[in-house]
C-alpha atoms as a PDB file:
ATOM      1  CA  MET A   1       0.000   0.000   0.000  1.00  0.00           C
ATOM      2  CA  ILE A   2       1.308   3.448  -0.952  1.00  0.00           C
ATOM      3  CA  ASP A   3       1.771   5.672   2.108  1.00  0.00           C
ATOM      4  CA  TRP A   4       0.991   9.377   2.233  1.00  0.00           C
ATOM      5  CA  HIS A   5       4.666  10.364   1.986  1.00  0.00           C
ATOM      6  CA  THR A   6       4.833   8.814  -1.468  1.00  0.00           C
ATOM      7  CA  LEU A   7       1.565  10.398  -2.616  1.00  0.00           C
ATOM      8  CA  VAL A   8       2.523  13.882  -1.375  1.00  0.00           C
ATOM      9  CA  GLY A   9       6.032  13.615  -2.791  1.00  0.00           C
ATOM     10  CA  ALA A  10       4.780  12.411  -6.176  1.00  0.00           C
ATOM     11  CA  ALA A  11       2.145  15.163  -6.372  1.00  0.00           C
ATOM     12  CA  ALA A  12       4.679  17.871  -5.511  1.00  0.00           C
ATOM     13  CA  THR A  13       7.140  16.491  -8.071  1.00  0.00           C
ATOM     14  CA  ILE A  14       4.512  16.620 -10.823  1.00  0.00           C
ATOM     15  CA  VAL A  15       3.587  20.196  -9.906  1.00  0.00           C
ATOM     16  CA  MET A  16       7.233  21.295 -10.016  1.00  0.00           C
ATOM     17  CA  PHE A  17       7.658  19.822 -13.505  1.00  0.00           C
ATOM     18  CA  VAL A  18       4.389  21.243 -14.834  1.00  0.00           C
ATOM     19  CA  LEU A  19       5.239  24.771 -13.650  1.00  0.00           C
ATOM     20  CA  LEU A  20       8.180  24.801 -16.047  1.00  0.00           C
ATOM     21  CA  VAL A  21       5.817  25.216 -19.024  1.00  0.00           C
ATOM     22  CA  PRO A  22       4.015  28.432 -17.960  1.00  0.00           C
ATOM     23  CA  TYR A  23       7.287  29.905 -16.693  1.00  0.00           C
ATOM     24  CA  ILE A  24       8.992  29.424 -20.060  1.00  0.00           C
ATOM     25  CA  ARG A  25       5.896  30.749 -21.824  1.00  0.00           C
ATOM     26  CA  SER A  26       6.088  33.840 -19.612  1.00  0.00           C
ATOM     27  CA  ILE A  27       9.746  34.333 -20.607  1.00  0.00           C
ATOM     28  CA  LEU A  28       8.946  34.073 -24.320  1.00  0.00           C
ATOM     29  CA  LYS A  29       6.155  36.635 -23.895  1.00  0.00           C
ATOM     30  CA  GLU A  30       8.750  38.871 -22.152  1.00  0.00           C
ATOM     31  CA  ASP A  31       6.587  39.114 -19.036  1.00  0.00           C
ATOM     32  CA  THR A  32       9.347  37.372 -17.067  1.00  0.00           C
ATOM     33  CA  ARG A  33      13.032  38.310 -17.214  1.00  0.00           C
ATOM     34  CA  PRO A  34      15.149  35.631 -15.487  1.00  0.00           C
ATOM     35  CA  ASN A  35      18.795  36.247 -14.667  1.00  0.00           C
ATOM     36  CA  PRO A  36      20.969  33.656 -16.545  1.00  0.00           C
ATOM     37  CA  VAL A  37      23.767  33.843 -13.937  1.00  0.00           C
ATOM     38  CA  SER A  38      21.366  32.658 -11.249  1.00  0.00           C
ATOM     39  CA  TRP A  39      19.716  29.969 -13.349  1.00  0.00           C
ATOM     40  CA  PHE A  40      22.920  28.402 -14.713  1.00  0.00           C
ATOM     41  CA  GLY A  41      24.510  28.684 -11.272  1.00  0.00           C
ATOM     42  CA  TRP A  42      21.521  26.853  -9.790  1.00  0.00           C
ATOM     43  CA  THR A  43      21.849  24.180 -12.487  1.00  0.00           C
ATOM     44  CA  LEU A  44      25.439  23.429 -11.532  1.00  0.00           C
ATOM     45  CA  LEU A  45      24.779  23.517  -7.806  1.00  0.00           C
ATOM     46  CA  TYR A  46      21.592  21.460  -7.974  1.00  0.00           C
ATOM     47  CA  GLY A  47      23.426  18.847 -10.027  1.00  0.00           C
ATOM     48  CA  ILE A  48      26.272  18.516  -7.538  1.00  0.00           C
ATOM     49  CA  ALA A  49      23.837  18.508  -4.603  1.00  0.00           C
ATOM     50  CA  ALA A  50      21.714  15.790  -6.233  1.00  0.00           C
ATOM     51  CA  VAL A  51      24.735  13.527  -6.663  1.00  0.00           C
ATOM     52  CA  ALA A  52      25.978  14.219  -3.123  1.00  0.00           C
ATOM     53  CA  GLN A  53      22.542  13.649  -1.591  1.00  0.00           C
ATOM     54  CA  ALA A  54      21.962  10.454  -3.586  1.00  0.00           C
ATOM     55  CA  SER A  55      25.166   9.034  -2.100  1.00  0.00           C
ATOM     56  CA  GLN A  56      23.515   9.340   1.349  1.00  0.00           C
ATOM     57  CA  GLY A  57      20.381   7.462   0.257  1.00  0.00           C
ATOM     58  CA  PHE A  58      17.300   8.050  -1.863  1.00  0.00           C
ATOM     59  CA  ASP A  59      14.364   9.985  -0.435  1.00  0.00           C
ATOM     60  CA  TRP A  60      11.644  12.344  -1.683  1.00  0.00           C
ATOM     61  CA  SER A  61      13.805  15.303  -0.647  1.00  0.00           C
ATOM     62  CA  LEU A  62      16.156  14.225  -3.474  1.00  0.00           C
ATOM     63  CA  ALA A  63      13.457  15.286  -5.939  1.00  0.00           C
ATOM     64  CA  ILE A  64      14.155  18.955  -5.173  1.00  0.00           C
ATOM     65  CA  PRO A  65      17.794  19.060  -6.408  1.00  0.00           C
ATOM     66  CA  ALA A  66      17.076  16.502  -9.166  1.00  0.00           C
ATOM     67  CA  ILE A  67      14.184  18.447 -10.661  1.00  0.00           C
ATOM     68  CA  GLY A  68      16.017  21.682  -9.987  1.00  0.00           C
ATOM     69  CA  THR A  69      18.944  20.543 -12.152  1.00  0.00           C
ATOM     70  CA  VAL A  70      16.711  19.960 -15.177  1.00  0.00           C
ATOM     71  CA  SER A  71      14.342  22.906 -14.791  1.00  0.00           C
ATOM     72  CA  THR A  72      16.959  25.563 -14.027  1.00  0.00           C
ATOM     73  CA  GLY A  73      19.087  24.442 -16.966  1.00  0.00           C
ATOM     74  CA  VAL A  74      16.138  24.723 -19.356  1.00  0.00           C
ATOM     75  CA  VAL A  75      15.192  28.173 -18.030  1.00  0.00           C
ATOM     76  CA  GLY A  76      18.806  29.352 -18.306  1.00  0.00           C
ATOM     77  CA  PHE A  77      19.036  28.389 -21.982  1.00  0.00           C
ATOM     78  CA  VAL A  78      15.665  29.967 -22.773  1.00  0.00           C
ATOM     79  CA  ALA A  79      16.741  33.157 -20.985  1.00  0.00           C
ATOM     80  CA  LEU A  80      19.857  33.363 -23.161  1.00  0.00           C
ATOM     81  CA  ARG A  81      17.837  32.757 -26.334  1.00  0.00           C
ATOM     82  CA  THR A  82      15.652  35.774 -25.589  1.00  0.00           C
ATOM     83  CA  GLY A  83      18.705  38.005 -25.809  1.00  0.00           C
ATOM     84  CA  LYS A  84      17.837  39.862 -22.604  1.00  0.00           C
ATOM     85  CA  ALA A  85      20.888  38.761 -20.594  1.00  0.00           C
ATOM     86  CA  MET A  86      22.962  41.485 -18.917  1.00  0.00           C
ATOM     87  CA  TRP A  87      26.325  41.299 -17.104  1.00  0.00           C
ATOM     88  CA  THR A  88      26.151  43.513 -14.017  1.00  0.00           C
ATOM     89  CA  LYS A  89      28.468  44.165 -11.068  1.00  0.00           C
ATOM     90  CA  ILE A  90      26.239  41.988  -8.902  1.00  0.00           C
ATOM     91  CA  ASP A  91      26.564  39.174 -11.449  1.00  0.00           C
ATOM     92  CA  ARG A  92      30.376  39.433 -11.411  1.00  0.00           C
ATOM     93  CA  PHE A  93      30.516  39.494  -7.611  1.00  0.00           C
ATOM     94  CA  SER A  94      28.102  36.569  -7.324  1.00  0.00           C
ATOM     95  CA  ILE A  95      29.911  34.365  -9.819  1.00  0.00           C
ATOM     96  CA  THR A  96      33.286  35.069  -8.140  1.00  0.00           C
ATOM     97  CA  VAL A  97      32.004  34.091  -4.685  1.00  0.00           C
ATOM     98  CA  ALA A  98      30.220  31.067  -6.117  1.00  0.00           C
ATOM     99  CA  ILE A  99      33.325  29.777  -7.918  1.00  0.00           C
ATOM    100  CA  LEU A 100      35.408  30.137  -4.745  1.00  0.00           C
ATOM    101  CA  ALA A 101      32.778  28.297  -2.680  1.00  0.00           C
ATOM    102  CA  ILE A 102      32.440  25.547  -5.311  1.00  0.00           C
ATOM    103  CA  VAL A 103      36.222  24.988  -5.383  1.00  0.00           C
ATOM    104  CA  LEU A 104      36.312  24.698  -1.585  1.00  0.00           C
ATOM    105  CA  TRP A 105      33.215  22.496  -1.726  1.00  0.00           C
ATOM    106  CA  VAL A 106      34.845  20.066  -4.156  1.00  0.00           C
ATOM    107  CA  ILE A 107      38.109  19.732  -2.229  1.00  0.00           C
ATOM    108  CA  THR A 108      36.622  19.446   1.266  1.00  0.00           C
ATOM    109  CA  LYS A 109      36.423  15.983   2.788  1.00  0.00           C
ATOM    110  CA  GLU A 110      33.887  16.736   5.518  1.00  0.00           C
ATOM    111  CA  PRO A 111      30.274  16.215   4.285  1.00  0.00           C
ATOM    112  CA  LEU A 112      28.620  18.856   6.494  1.00  0.00           C
ATOM    113  CA  THR A 113      31.232  21.463   5.566  1.00  0.00           C
ATOM    114  CA  ALA A 114      30.631  20.627   1.917  1.00  0.00           C
ATOM    115  CA  LEU A 115      26.891  21.184   2.342  1.00  0.00           C
ATOM    116  CA  VAL A 116      27.454  24.546   4.033  1.00  0.00           C
ATOM    117  CA  LEU A 117      29.799  25.627   1.225  1.00  0.00           C
ATOM    118  CA  SER A 118      27.185  24.555  -1.324  1.00  0.00           C
ATOM    119  CA  ILE A 119      24.654  26.810   0.388  1.00  0.00           C
ATOM    120  CA  ILE A 120      27.114  29.729   0.334  1.00  0.00           C
ATOM    121  CA  ALA A 121      27.676  29.154  -3.388  1.00  0.00           C
ATOM    122  CA  ASP A 122      23.926  28.927  -4.001  1.00  0.00           C
ATOM    123  CA  LEU A 123      23.253  32.123  -2.072  1.00  0.00           C
ATOM    124  CA  ALA A 124      25.908  33.868  -4.156  1.00  0.00           C
ATOM    125  CA  VAL A 125      24.277  32.939  -7.482  1.00  0.00           C
ATOM    126  CA  SER A 126      20.829  33.676  -6.034  1.00  0.00           C
ATOM    127  CA  LEU A 127      21.737  37.284  -5.223  1.00  0.00           C
ATOM    128  CA  PRO A 128      21.207  38.617  -8.782  1.00  0.00           C
ATOM    129  CA  THR A 129      17.675  37.185  -8.906  1.00  0.00           C
ATOM    130  CA  LEU A 130      16.854  38.279  -5.356  1.00  0.00           C
ATOM    131  CA  TYR A 131      18.043  41.823  -6.101  1.00  0.00           C
ATOM    132  CA  LYS A 132      16.304  41.913  -9.492  1.00  0.00           C
ATOM    133  CA  THR A 133      13.017  40.649  -8.083  1.00  0.00           C
ATOM    134  CA  TYR A 134      13.112  43.100  -5.171  1.00  0.00           C
ATOM    135  CA  THR A 135      13.807  46.099  -7.395  1.00  0.00           C
ATOM    136  CA  GLN A 136      11.713  44.842 -10.346  1.00  0.00           C
ATOM    137  CA  PRO A 137       8.926  42.702  -8.828  1.00  0.00           C
ATOM    138  CA  PHE A 138       7.047  42.606 -12.147  1.00  0.00           C
ATOM    139  CA  SER A 139       9.972  40.677 -13.673  1.00  0.00           C
ATOM    140  CA  GLU A 140       8.882  37.439 -11.938  1.00  0.00           C
ATOM    141  CA  PRO A 141       5.433  35.740 -11.988  1.00  0.00           C
ATOM    142  CA  TRP A 142       4.314  35.808  -8.359  1.00  0.00           C
ATOM    143  CA  LEU A 143       1.664  33.085  -8.708  1.00  0.00           C
ATOM    144  CA  LEU A 144       4.086  30.547 -10.163  1.00  0.00           C
ATOM    145  CA  TRP A 145       6.533  31.219  -7.327  1.00  0.00           C
ATOM    146  CA  VAL A 146       3.779  30.773  -4.739  1.00  0.00           C
ATOM    147  CA  ILE A 147       2.864  27.403  -6.260  1.00  0.00           C
ATOM    148  CA  TYR A 148       6.512  26.356  -6.604  1.00  0.00           C
ATOM    149  CA  SER A 149       7.290  27.251  -2.968  1.00  0.00           C
ATOM    150  CA  THR A 150       4.262  25.241  -1.888  1.00  0.00           C
ATOM    151  CA  ALA A 151       5.464  22.248  -3.908  1.00  0.00           C
ATOM    152  CA  VAL A 152       8.916  22.455  -2.289  1.00  0.00           C
ATOM    153  CA  ALA A 153       7.257  22.575   1.133  1.00  0.00           C
ATOM    154  CA  LEU A 154       5.293  19.427   0.261  1.00  0.00           C
ATOM    155  CA  GLU A 155       8.496  17.664  -0.828  1.00  0.00           C
ATOM    156  CA  LEU A 156       9.965  18.468   2.592  1.00  0.00           C
ATOM    157  CA  LEU A 157       6.803  17.217   4.268  1.00  0.00           C
ATOM    158  CA  ALA A 158       7.132  13.945   2.379  1.00  0.00           C
ATOM    159  CA  THR A 159      10.694  13.393   3.601  1.00  0.00           C
ATOM    160  CA  THR A 160      11.116  10.235   5.647  1.00  0.00           C
ATOM    161  CA  HIS A 161      14.860  10.417   6.380  1.00  0.00           C
ATOM    162  CA  LEU A 162      15.089  13.368   8.740  1.00  0.00           C
ATOM    163  CA  THR A 163      18.844  13.920   8.699  1.00  0.00           C
ATOM    164  CA  ILE A 164      20.787  17.124   8.274  1.00  0.00           C
ATOM    165  CA  TYR A 165      22.232  15.766   5.030  1.00  0.00           C
ATOM    166  CA  ASN A 166      18.772  15.260   3.507  1.00  0.00           C
ATOM    167  CA  LEU A 167      17.176  18.420   4.875  1.00  0.00           C
ATOM    168  CA  LEU A 168      19.794  21.200   4.969  1.00  0.00           C
ATOM    169  CA  VAL A 169      19.865  22.052   1.258  1.00  0.00           C
ATOM    170  CA  PRO A 170      16.100  21.583   0.628  1.00  0.00           C
ATOM    171  CA  VAL A 171      15.213  23.745   3.658  1.00  0.00           C
ATOM    172  CA  TYR A 172      17.608  26.448   2.495  1.00  0.00           C
ATOM    173  CA  SER A 173      16.185  26.232  -1.051  1.00  0.00           C
ATOM    174  CA  PHE A 174      12.684  26.643   0.342  1.00  0.00           C
ATOM    175  CA  GLY A 175      13.809  29.779   2.176  1.00  0.00           C
ATOM    176  CA  VAL A 176      15.203  31.345  -1.014  1.00  0.00           C
ATOM    177  CA  ASP A 177      12.047  30.412  -2.955  1.00  0.00           C
ATOM    178  CA  VAL A 178       9.904  32.089  -0.299  1.00  0.00           C
ATOM    179  CA  LEU A 179      12.048  35.236  -0.454  1.00  0.00           C
ATOM    180  CA  ILE A 180      11.691  35.443  -4.243  1.00  0.00           C
ATOM    181  CA  THR A 181       7.948  34.895  -3.819  1.00  0.00           C
ATOM    182  CA  LEU A 182       7.661  37.703  -1.266  1.00  0.00           C
ATOM    183  CA  PHE A 183       9.731  40.060  -3.403  1.00  0.00           C
ATOM    184  CA  SER A 184       7.584  39.329  -6.472  1.00  0.00           C
ATOM    185  CA  LEU A 185       4.466  40.061  -4.424  1.00  0.00           C
ATOM    186  CA  ARG A 186       5.754  43.625  -3.982  1.00  0.00           C
ATOM    187  CA  GLN A 187       4.243  44.302  -7.409  1.00  0.00           C
ATOM    188  CA  PHE A 188       0.916  44.748  -5.633  1.00  0.00           C
ATOM    189  CA  LEU A 189       2.421  47.604  -3.629  1.00  0.00           C
ATOM    190  CA  ILE A 190       3.819  49.596  -6.557  1.00  0.00           C
ATOM    191  CA  LYS A 191       2.607  50.692  -9.970  1.00  0.00           C
ATOM    192  CA  ARG A 192       3.607  48.749 -13.051  1.00  0.00           C
ATOM    193  CA  PRO A 193       6.179  50.655 -15.177  1.00  0.00           C
ATOM    194  CA  GLY A 194       4.336  52.836 -17.664  1.00  0.00           C
ATOM    195  CA  GLU A 195       1.155  53.131 -15.638  1.00  0.00           C
ATOM    196  CA  ILE A 196       2.091  56.517 -14.206  1.00  0.00           C
ATOM    197  CA  ASP A 197       2.745  57.951 -17.680  1.00  0.00           C
ATOM    198  CA  SER A 198      -0.515  56.544 -19.021  1.00  0.00           C
ATOM    199  CA  LEU A 199      -2.452  58.359 -16.295  1.00  0.00           C
ATOM    200  CA  ASN A 200      -0.976  61.773 -17.190  1.00  0.00           C
END
């Protein structure tokens, strides 16, 4: 008999995959402007985290980095194809910190230290998107981020191996997703660009 952990984990996994379609559609319509540095950085980090976590055992929490590897890579390539990519000072700073953390992550022999370094690297590549979404909340689809954050929360709920190795990265990822969600919701507090001019 299938237990509720499996059902919840499977449902959340499906939702996370399905959300990729409307997000890409939003990019192609130019309603969403993802930062390629963040998305390709997440691809690399999710991939390494998935391999590292799999070595500690398979669990529904593994779905988060596994799906993240595929989805972030696809979004990164689509973002580049739109020709909207920019190379800012924040991007340069983020990629420098991320590379340093990844190098230390790869050479470290202590698993917990490696996980902490992976989080530092992830936070570094997340900064461009966090800053962009805070200053330009209309550049991210708030509803999709709400649904995605909920799906990540369900994946955590479905986790059966409650160890720091299985939970540290997913819990951190959930925190970043919630921040992006909250920043995108700021669009309800400000006027959309162009609205002020249209009223004059």
